[in-house]
C-alpha cells in the first residue's frame, strides 16, 4: 500500500514533536509581536480574552509549523532522526 508523505508525517511521532517544537518557537514570536501593539484603555481586557488570544496565536503557530514552516520542521526532524539512527547503529 502506498502512503502519501502527509500521512507518514501525521503518523510519525518524531515529526509531530518537531512540528510542536517549531510551533512553540513561532508562538513566542507571534506573542511578542502581538504584545508590541499599543492597546487602548477604552475597553478593559478580561482574562478570558487574553486566554482566547493566546490559544488563537498558538493554533496559528501550529498550522504554520505544519504547512508554511514545514521546511524548518523537516530540517529539525532530519537532524534528530539522523542522530537517533547514528546512536542506534553504534
PDB file of N, CA and C in Angstrom:
ATOM      1  N   UNK A   1       0.841  -1.182   0.000  1.00  0.00           N
ATOM      2  CA  UNK A   1       0.000   0.000   0.000  1.00  0.00           C
ATOM      3  C   UNK A   1       0.884   1.241   0.000  1.00  0.00           C
ATOM      4  N   UNK A   2       0.619   2.159  -0.885  1.00  0.00           N
ATOM      5  CA  UNK A   2       1.399   3.386  -0.999  1.00  0.00           C
ATOM      6  C   UNK A   2       0.765   4.455  -0.124  1.00  0.00           C
ATOM      7  N   UNK A   3       1.596   5.077   0.736  1.00  0.00           N
ATOM      8  CA  UNK A   3       1.109   6.148   1.600  1.00  0.00           C
ATOM      9  C   UNK A   3       1.707   7.462   1.139  1.00  0.00           C
ATOM     10  N   UNK A   4       0.935   8.513   1.301  1.00  0.00           N
ATOM     11  CA  UNK A   4       1.431   9.832   0.923  1.00  0.00           C
ATOM     12  C   UNK A   4       2.345  10.360   2.021  1.00  0.00           C
ATOM     13  N   UNK A   5       3.125  11.388   1.669  1.00  0.00           N
ATOM     14  CA  UNK A   5       4.051  11.975   2.632  1.00  0.00           C
ATOM     15  C   UNK A   5       3.296  12.566   3.810  1.00  0.00           C
ATOM     16  N   UNK A   6       2.165  13.216   3.551  1.00  0.00           N
ATOM     17  CA  UNK A   6       1.414  13.818   4.648  1.00  0.00           C
ATOM     18  C   UNK A   6       0.882  12.764   5.617  1.00  0.00           C
ATOM     19  N   UNK A   7       0.507  11.579   5.121  1.00  0.00           N
ATOM     20  CA  UNK A   7       0.039  10.545   6.036  1.00  0.00           C
ATOM     21  C   UNK A   7       1.187   9.965   6.843  1.00  0.00           C
ATOM     22  N   UNK A   8       2.374   9.894   6.254  1.00  0.00           N
ATOM     23  CA  UNK A   8       3.539   9.432   7.005  1.00  0.00           C
ATOM     24  C   UNK A   8       3.878  10.447   8.083  1.00  0.00           C
ATOM     25  N   UNK A   9       3.826  11.730   7.744  1.00  0.00           N
ATOM     26  CA  UNK A   9       4.135  12.776   8.707  1.00  0.00           C
ATOM     27  C   UNK A   9       3.176  12.748   9.885  1.00  0.00           C
ATOM     28  N   UNK A  10       1.890  12.616   9.601  1.00  0.00           N
ATOM     29  CA  UNK A  10       0.919  12.677  10.687  1.00  0.00           C
ATOM     30  C   UNK A  10       1.018  11.469  11.612  1.00  0.00           C
ATOM     31  N   UNK A  11       1.540  10.347  11.127  1.00  0.00           N
ATOM     32  CA  UNK A  11       1.656   9.172  11.976  1.00  0.00           C
ATOM     33  C   UNK A  11       3.021   9.070  12.650  1.00  0.00           C
ATOM     34  N   UNK A  12       3.994   9.909  12.255  1.00  0.00           N
ATOM     35  CA  UNK A  12       5.337   9.851  12.814  1.00  0.00           C
ATOM     36  C   UNK A  12       5.416  10.721  14.071  1.00  0.00           C
ATOM     37  N   UNK A  13       5.672  10.092  15.204  1.00  0.00           N
ATOM     38  CA  UNK A  13       5.702  10.816  16.468  1.00  0.00           C
ATOM     39  C   UNK A  13       6.844  11.816  16.523  1.00  0.00           C
ATOM     40  N   UNK A  14       7.993  11.467  15.952  1.00  0.00           N
ATOM     41  CA  UNK A  14       9.140  12.387  15.970  1.00  0.00           C
ATOM     42  C   UNK A  14       8.841  13.626  15.136  1.00  0.00           C
ATOM     43  N   UNK A  15       8.216  13.441  13.963  1.00  0.00           N
ATOM     44  CA  UNK A  15       7.901  14.606  13.122  1.00  0.00           C
ATOM     45  C   UNK A  15       6.880  15.496  13.827  1.00  0.00           C
ATOM     46  N   UNK A  16       5.895  14.900  14.485  1.00  0.00           N
ATOM     47  CA  UNK A  16       4.907  15.692  15.222  1.00  0.00           C
ATOM     48  C   UNK A  16       5.555  16.449  16.378  1.00  0.00           C
ATOM     49  N   UNK A  17       6.510  15.817  17.057  1.00  0.00           N
ATOM     50  CA  UNK A  17       7.222  16.508  18.134  1.00  0.00           C
ATOM     51  C   UNK A  17       8.040  17.670  17.584  1.00  0.00           C
ATOM     52  N   UNK A  18       8.660  17.480  16.434  1.00  0.00           N
ATOM     53  CA  UNK A  18       9.427  18.559  15.792  1.00  0.00           C
ATOM     54  C   UNK A  18       8.497  19.695  15.363  1.00  0.00           C
ATOM     55  N   UNK A  19       7.321  19.356  14.862  1.00  0.00           N
ATOM     56  CA  UNK A  19       6.352  20.378  14.475  1.00  0.00           C
ATOM     57  C   UNK A  19       5.868  21.153  15.689  1.00  0.00           C
ATOM     58  N   UNK A  20       5.656  20.465  16.800  1.00  0.00           N
ATOM     59  CA  UNK A  20       5.243  21.149  18.029  1.00  0.00           C
ATOM     60  C   UNK A  20       6.350  22.054  18.551  1.00  0.00           C
ATOM     61  N   UNK A  21       7.593  21.620  18.433  1.00  0.00           N
ATOM     62  CA  UNK A  21       8.729  22.444  18.841  1.00  0.00           C
ATOM     63  C   UNK A  21       8.807  23.705  17.988  1.00  0.00           C
ATOM     64  N   UNK A  22       8.675  23.548  16.679  1.00  0.00           N
ATOM     65  CA  UNK A  22       8.683  24.695  15.772  1.00  0.00           C
ATOM     66  C   UNK A  22       7.516  25.623  16.074  1.00  0.00           C
ATOM     67  N   UNK A  23       6.366  25.052  16.366  1.00  0.00           N
ATOM     68  CA  UNK A  23       5.180  25.856  16.697  1.00  0.00           C
ATOM     69  C   UNK A  23       5.400  26.651  17.970  1.00  0.00           C
ATOM     70  N   UNK A  24       6.049  26.052  18.955  1.00  0.00           N
ATOM     71  CA  UNK A  24       6.306  26.751  20.206  1.00  0.00           C
ATOM     72  C   UNK A  24       7.229  27.943  19.998  1.00  0.00           C
ATOM     73  N   UNK A  25       8.247  27.760  19.190  1.00  0.00           N
ATOM     74  CA  UNK A  25       9.161  28.867  18.889  1.00  0.00           C
ATOM     75  C   UNK A  25       8.413  29.975  18.145  1.00  0.00           C
ATOM     76  N   UNK A  26       7.632  29.590  17.142  1.00  0.00           N
ATOM     77  CA  UNK A  26       6.902  30.591  16.366  1.00  0.00           C
ATOM     78  C   UNK A  26       5.821  31.264  17.211  1.00  0.00           C
ATOM     79  N   UNK A  27       5.235  30.533  18.160  1.00  0.00           N
ATOM     80  CA  UNK A  27       4.251  31.113  19.075  1.00  0.00           C
ATOM     81  C   UNK A  27       4.878  32.237  19.893  1.00  0.00           C
ATOM     82  N   UNK A  28       6.102  32.010  20.376  1.00  0.00           N
ATOM     83  CA  UNK A  28       6.785  33.063  21.135  1.00  0.00           C
ATOM     84  C   UNK A  28       6.983  34.315  20.286  1.00  0.00           C
ATOM     85  N   UNK A  29       7.319  34.117  19.013  1.00  0.00           N
ATOM     86  CA  UNK A  29       7.487  35.261  18.107  1.00  0.00           C
ATOM     87  C   UNK A  29       6.157  35.986  17.913  1.00  0.00           C
ATOM     88  N   UNK A  30       5.091  35.237  17.629  1.00  0.00           N
ATOM     89  CA  UNK A  30       3.774  35.848  17.437  1.00  0.00           C
ATOM     90  C   UNK A  30       3.294  36.581  18.687  1.00  0.00           C
ATOM     91  N   UNK A  31       3.531  35.977  19.853  1.00  0.00           N
ATOM     92  CA  UNK A  31       3.083  36.587  21.095  1.00  0.00           C
ATOM     93  C   UNK A  31       3.817  37.905  21.348  1.00  0.00           C
ATOM     94  N   UNK A  32       5.131  37.926  21.120  1.00  0.00           N
ATOM     95  CA  UNK A  32       5.901  39.167  21.291  1.00  0.00           C
ATOM     96  C   UNK A  32       5.434  40.232  20.302  1.00  0.00           C
ATOM     97  N   UNK A  33       5.128  39.833  19.080  1.00  0.00           N
ATOM     98  CA  UNK A  33       4.623  40.783  18.092  1.00  0.00           C
ATOM     99  C   UNK A  33       3.270  41.343  18.524  1.00  0.00           C
ATOM    100  N   UNK A  34       2.392  40.470  19.019  1.00  0.00           N
ATOM    101  CA  UNK A  34       1.072  40.916  19.450  1.00  0.00           C
ATOM    102  C   UNK A  34       1.170  41.845  20.658  1.00  0.00           C
ATOM    103  N   UNK A  35       2.073  41.535  21.586  1.00  0.00           N
ATOM    104  CA  UNK A  35       2.241  42.374  22.765  1.00  0.00           C
ATOM    105  C   UNK A  35       2.832  43.740  22.433  1.00  0.00           C
ATOM    106  N   UNK A  36       3.503  43.849  21.294  1.00  0.00           N
ATOM    107  CA  UNK A  36       4.099  45.134  20.917  1.00  0.00           C
ATOM    108  C   UNK A  36       3.078  46.108  20.327  1.00  0.00           C
ATOM    109  N   UNK A  37       1.876  45.633  20.036  1.00  0.00           N
ATOM    110  CA  UNK A  37       0.833  46.502  19.502  1.00  0.00           C
ATOM    111  C   UNK A  37       0.288  47.364  20.636  1.00  0.00           C
ATOM    112  N   UNK A  38       0.242  48.688  20.454  1.00  0.00           N
ATOM    113  CA  UNK A  38      -0.292  49.542  21.523  1.00  0.00           C
ATOM    114  C   UNK A  38      -1.769  49.238  21.780  1.00  0.00           C
ATOM    115  N   UNK A  39      -2.123  49.142  23.049  1.00  0.00           N
ATOM    116  CA  UNK A  39      -3.507  48.850  23.445  1.00  0.00           C
ATOM    117  C   UNK A  39      -4.154  50.119  24.000  1.00  0.00           C
ATOM    118  N   UNK A  40      -5.434  50.253  23.776  1.00  0.00           N
ATOM    119  CA  UNK A  40      -6.194  51.389  24.286  1.00  0.00           C
ATOM    120  C   UNK A  40      -6.791  51.032  25.643  1.00  0.00           C
ATOM    121  N   UNK A  41      -6.932  52.025  26.499  1.00  0.00           N
ATOM    122  CA  UNK A  41      -7.569  51.806  27.787  1.00  0.00           C
ATOM    123  C   UNK A  41      -9.079  52.031  27.729  1.00  0.00           C
ATOM    124  N   UNK A  42      -9.604  52.225  26.539  1.00  0.00           N
ATOM    125  CA  UNK A  42     -11.024  52.470  26.384  1.00  0.00           C
ATOM    126  C   UNK A  42     -11.848  51.270  26.854  1.00  0.00           C
ATOM    127  N   UNK A  43     -11.385  50.068  26.484  1.00  0.00           N
ATOM    128  CA  UNK A  43     -12.054  48.839  26.903  1.00  0.00           C
ATOM    129  C   UNK A  43     -11.061  47.999  27.693  1.00  0.00           C
ATOM    130  N   UNK A  44     -11.532  47.499  28.827  1.00  0.00           N
ATOM    131  CA  UNK A  44     -10.676  46.627  29.619  1.00  0.00           C
ATOM    132  C   UNK A  44     -10.623  45.248  28.990  1.00  0.00           C
ATOM    133  N   UNK A  45      -9.465  44.623  29.073  1.00  0.00           N
ATOM    134  CA  UNK A  45      -9.298  43.259  28.580  1.00  0.00           C
ATOM    135  C   UNK A  45      -9.477  42.296  29.746  1.00  0.00           C
ATOM    136  N   UNK A  46     -10.305  41.289  29.555  1.00  0.00           N
ATOM    137  CA  UNK A  46     -10.527  40.305  30.610  1.00  0.00           C
ATOM    138  C   UNK A  46      -9.519  39.167  30.475  1.00  0.00           C
ATOM    139  N   UNK A  47      -9.443  38.357  31.510  1.00  0.00           N
ATOM    140  CA  UNK A  47      -8.565  37.193  31.463  1.00  0.00           C
ATOM    141  C   UNK A  47      -9.007  36.213  30.379  1.00  0.00           C
ATOM    142  N   UNK A  48     -10.308  36.112  30.168  1.00  0.00           N
ATOM    143  CA  UNK A  48     -10.819  35.204  29.137  1.00  0.00           C
ATOM    144  C   UNK A  48     -10.380  35.657  27.746  1.00  0.00           C
ATOM    145  N   UNK A  49     -10.399  36.952  27.498  1.00  0.00           N
ATOM    146  CA  UNK A  49      -9.948  37.459  26.195  1.00  0.00           C
ATOM    147  C   UNK A  49      -8.463  37.202  25.991  1.00  0.00           C
ATOM    148  N   UNK A  50      -7.679  37.417  27.044  1.00  0.00           N
ATOM    149  CA  UNK A  50      -6.243  37.141  26.940  1.00  0.00           C
ATOM    150  C   UNK A  50      -5.980  35.664  26.694  1.00  0.00           C
ATOM    151  N   UNK A  51      -6.710  34.810  27.405  1.00  0.00           N
ATOM    152  CA  UNK A  51      -6.554  33.376  27.222  1.00  0.00           C
ATOM    153  C   UNK A  51      -6.937  32.967  25.799  1.00  0.00           C
ATOM    154  N   UNK A  52      -8.061  33.492  25.318  1.00  0.00           N
ATOM    155  CA  UNK A  52      -8.507  33.171  23.963  1.00  0.00           C
ATOM    156  C   UNK A  52      -7.488  33.634  22.923  1.00  0.00           C
ATOM    157  N   UNK A  53      -6.920  34.825  23.113  1.00  0.00           N
ATOM    158  CA  UNK A  53      -5.937  35.325  22.156  1.00  0.00           C
ATOM    159  C   UNK A  53      -4.681  34.451  22.164  1.00  0.00           C
ATOM    160  N   UNK A  54      -4.244  34.031  23.347  1.00  0.00           N
ATOM    161  CA  UNK A  54      -3.070  33.155  23.420  1.00  0.00           C
ATOM    162  C   UNK A  54      -3.335  31.809  22.744  1.00  0.00           C
ATOM    163  N   UNK A  55      -4.521  31.257  22.951  1.00  0.00           N
ATOM    164  CA  UNK A  55      -4.866  29.991  22.305  1.00  0.00           C
ATOM    165  C   UNK A  55      -4.956  30.148  20.785  1.00  0.00           C
ATOM    166  N   UNK A  56      -5.491  31.280  20.346  1.00  0.00           N
ATOM    167  CA  UNK A  56      -5.577  31.549  18.910  1.00  0.00           C
ATOM    168  C   UNK A  56      -4.185  31.665  18.297  1.00  0.00           C
ATOM    169  N   UNK A  57      -3.308  32.398  18.966  1.00  0.00           N
ATOM    170  CA  UNK A  57      -1.941  32.544  18.464  1.00  0.00           C
ATOM    171  C   UNK A  57      -1.225  31.200  18.423  1.00  0.00           C
ATOM    172  N   UNK A  58      -1.448  30.364  19.435  1.00  0.00           N
ATOM    173  CA  UNK A  58      -0.805  29.052  19.438  1.00  0.00           C
ATOM    174  C   UNK A  58      -1.347  28.168  18.319  1.00  0.00           C
ATOM    175  N   UNK A  59      -2.635  28.233  18.066  1.00  0.00           N
ATOM    176  CA  UNK A  59      -3.202  27.432  16.971  1.00  0.00           C
ATOM    177  C   UNK A  59      -2.673  27.917  15.614  1.00  0.00           C
ATOM    178  N   UNK A  60      -2.557  29.224  15.455  1.00  0.00           N
ATOM    179  CA  UNK A  60      -1.952  29.764  14.226  1.00  0.00           C
ATOM    180  C   UNK A  60      -0.531  29.228  14.066  1.00  0.00           C
ATOM    181  N   UNK A  61       0.231  29.235  15.148  1.00  0.00           N
ATOM    182  CA  UNK A  61       1.617  28.780  15.060  1.00  0.00           C
ATOM    183  C   UNK A  61       1.691  27.280  14.754  1.00  0.00           C
ATOM    184  N   UNK A  62       0.748  26.494  15.279  1.00  0.00           N
ATOM    185  CA  UNK A  62       0.728  25.061  14.953  1.00  0.00           C
ATOM    186  C   UNK A  62       0.459  24.843  13.466  1.00  0.00           C
ATOM    187  N   UNK A  63      -0.487  25.594  12.917  1.00  0.00           N
ATOM    188  CA  UNK A  63      -0.800  25.459  11.496  1.00  0.00           C
ATOM    189  C   UNK A  63       0.372  25.890  10.623  1.00  0.00           C
ATOM    190  N   UNK A  64       1.013  26.967  11.016  1.00  0.00           N
ATOM    191  CA  UNK A  64       2.168  27.467  10.252  1.00  0.00           C
ATOM    192  C   UNK A  64       3.315  26.462  10.299  1.00  0.00           C
ATOM    193  N   UNK A  65       3.561  25.870  11.458  1.00  0.00           N
ATOM    194  CA  UNK A  65       4.658  24.899  11.588  1.00  0.00           C
ATOM    195  C   UNK A  65       4.429  23.676  10.719  1.00  0.00           C
ATOM    196  N   UNK A  66       3.174  23.288  10.516  1.00  0.00           N
ATOM    197  CA  UNK A  66       2.879  22.109   9.718  1.00  0.00           C
ATOM    198  C   UNK A  66       2.764  22.416   8.230  1.00  0.00           C
ATOM    199  N   UNK A  67       2.566  23.668   7.865  1.00  0.00           N
ATOM    200  CA  UNK A  67       2.391  23.999   6.450  1.00  0.00           C
ATOM    201  C   UNK A  67       3.509  24.899   5.939  1.00  0.00           C
ATOM    202  N   UNK A  68       3.469  26.174   6.281  1.00  0.00           N
ATOM    203  CA  UNK A  68       4.417  27.129   5.716  1.00  0.00           C
ATOM    204  C   UNK A  68       5.835  26.930   6.231  1.00  0.00           C
ATOM    205  N   UNK A  69       5.992  26.516   7.482  1.00  0.00           N
ATOM    206  CA  UNK A  69       7.330  26.290   8.050  1.00  0.00           C
ATOM    207  C   UNK A  69       7.704  24.811   8.048  1.00  0.00           C
ATOM    208  N   UNK A  70       7.092  24.043   7.172  1.00  0.00           N
ATOM    209  CA  UNK A  70       7.381  22.610   7.154  1.00  0.00           C
ATOM    210  C   UNK A  70       8.828  22.336   6.765  1.00  0.00           C
ATOM    211  N   UNK A  71       9.469  23.238   6.007  1.00  0.00           N
ATOM    212  CA  UNK A  71      10.878  23.031   5.670  1.00  0.00           C
ATOM    213  C   UNK A  71      11.747  23.124   6.919  1.00  0.00           C
ATOM    214  N   UNK A  72      11.441  24.061   7.823  1.00  0.00           N
ATOM    215  CA  UNK A  72      12.166  24.155   9.091  1.00  0.00           C
ATOM    216  C   UNK A  72      11.889  22.922   9.951  1.00  0.00           C
ATOM    217  N   UNK A  73      10.644  22.516  10.001  1.00  0.00           N
ATOM    218  CA  UNK A  73      10.284  21.315  10.755  1.00  0.00           C
ATOM    219  C   UNK A  73      11.003  20.098  10.191  1.00  0.00           C
ATOM    220  N   UNK A  74      11.081  19.999   8.868  1.00  0.00           N
ATOM    221  CA  UNK A  74      11.777  18.869   8.246  1.00  0.00           C
ATOM    222  C   UNK A  74      13.270  18.893   8.554  1.00  0.00           C
ATOM    223  N   UNK A  75      13.885  20.084   8.598  1.00  0.00           N
ATOM    224  CA  UNK A  75      15.308  20.178   8.941  1.00  0.00           C
ATOM    225  C   UNK A  75      15.558  19.671  10.354  1.00  0.00           C
ATOM    226  N   UNK A  76      14.715  20.085  11.294  1.00  0.00           N
ATOM    227  CA  UNK A  76      14.850  19.627  12.674  1.00  0.00           C
ATOM    228  C   UNK A  76      14.630  18.120  12.747  1.00  0.00           C
ATOM    229  N   UNK A  77      13.615  17.647  12.035  1.00  0.00           N
ATOM    230  CA  UNK A  77      13.299  16.217  12.012  1.00  0.00           C
ATOM    231  C   UNK A  77      14.471  15.397  11.468  1.00  0.00           C
ATOM    232  N   UNK A  78      15.043  15.840  10.353  1.00  0.00           N
ATOM    233  CA  UNK A  78      16.154  15.095   9.751  1.00  0.00           C
ATOM    234  C   UNK A  78      17.369  15.074  10.668  1.00  0.00           C
ATOM    235  N   UNK A  79      17.649  16.202  11.335  1.00  0.00           N
ATOM    236  CA  UNK A  79      18.791  16.246  12.251  1.00  0.00           C
ATOM    237  C   UNK A  79      18.588  15.294  13.431  1.00  0.00           C
ATOM    238  N   UNK A  80      17.392  15.301  14.002  1.00  0.00           N
ATOM    239  CA  UNK A  80      17.121  14.415  15.137  1.00  0.00           C
ATOM    240  C   UNK A  80      17.056  12.950  14.713  1.00  0.00           C
ATOM    241  N   UNK A  81      16.468  12.688  13.560  1.00  0.00           N
ATOM    242  CA  UNK A  81      16.368  11.311  13.079  1.00  0.00           C
ATOM    243  C   UNK A  81      17.755  10.760  12.775  1.00  0.00           C
ATOM    244  N   UNK A  82      18.619  11.598  12.214  1.00  0.00           N
ATOM    245  CA  UNK A  82      19.978  11.158  11.905  1.00  0.00           C
ATOM    246  C   UNK A  82      20.737  10.847  13.192  1.00  0.00           C
ATOM    247  N   UNK A  83      20.594  11.713  14.216  1.00  0.00           N
ATOM    248  CA  UNK A  83      21.257  11.468  15.497  1.00  0.00           C
ATOM    249  C   UNK A  83      20.730  10.184  16.128  1.00  0.00           C
ATOM    250  N   UNK A  84      19.431   9.989  16.095  1.00  0.00           N
ATOM    251  CA  UNK A  84      18.846   8.788  16.685  1.00  0.00           C
ATOM    252  C   UNK A  84      19.307   7.542  15.936  1.00  0.00           C
ATOM    253  N   UNK A  85      19.397   7.612  14.626  1.00  0.00           N
ATOM    254  CA  UNK A  85      19.821   6.464  13.825  1.00  0.00           C
ATOM    255  C   UNK A  85      21.299   6.171  14.076  1.00  0.00           C
ATOM    256  N   UNK A  86      22.119   7.208  14.140  1.00  0.00           N
ATOM    257  CA  UNK A  86      23.558   7.006  14.386  1.00  0.00           C
ATOM    258  C   UNK A  86      23.801   6.400  15.750  1.00  0.00           C
ATOM    259  N   UNK A  87      23.027   6.806  16.765  1.00  0.00           N
ATOM    260  CA  UNK A  87      23.205   6.244  18.099  1.00  0.00           C
ATOM    261  C   UNK A  87      22.813   4.770  18.128  1.00  0.00           C
ATOM    262  N   UNK A  88      21.776   4.411  17.377  1.00  0.00           N
ATOM    263  CA  UNK A  88      21.330   3.013  17.371  1.00  0.00           C
ATOM    264  C   UNK A  88      22.329   2.106  16.649  1.00  0.00           C
ATOM    265  N   UNK A  89      23.014   2.637  15.624  1.00  0.00           N
ATOM    266  CA  UNK A  89      23.905   1.813  14.825  1.00  0.00           C
ATOM    267  C   UNK A  89      25.257   1.589  15.512  1.00  0.00           C
ATOM    268  N   UNK A  90      25.605   2.396  16.522  1.00  0.00           N
ATOM    269  CA  UNK A  90      26.908   2.216  17.186  1.00  0.00           C
ATOM    270  C   UNK A  90      26.820   1.285  18.349  1.00  0.00           C
TER     271      UNK A  90
END
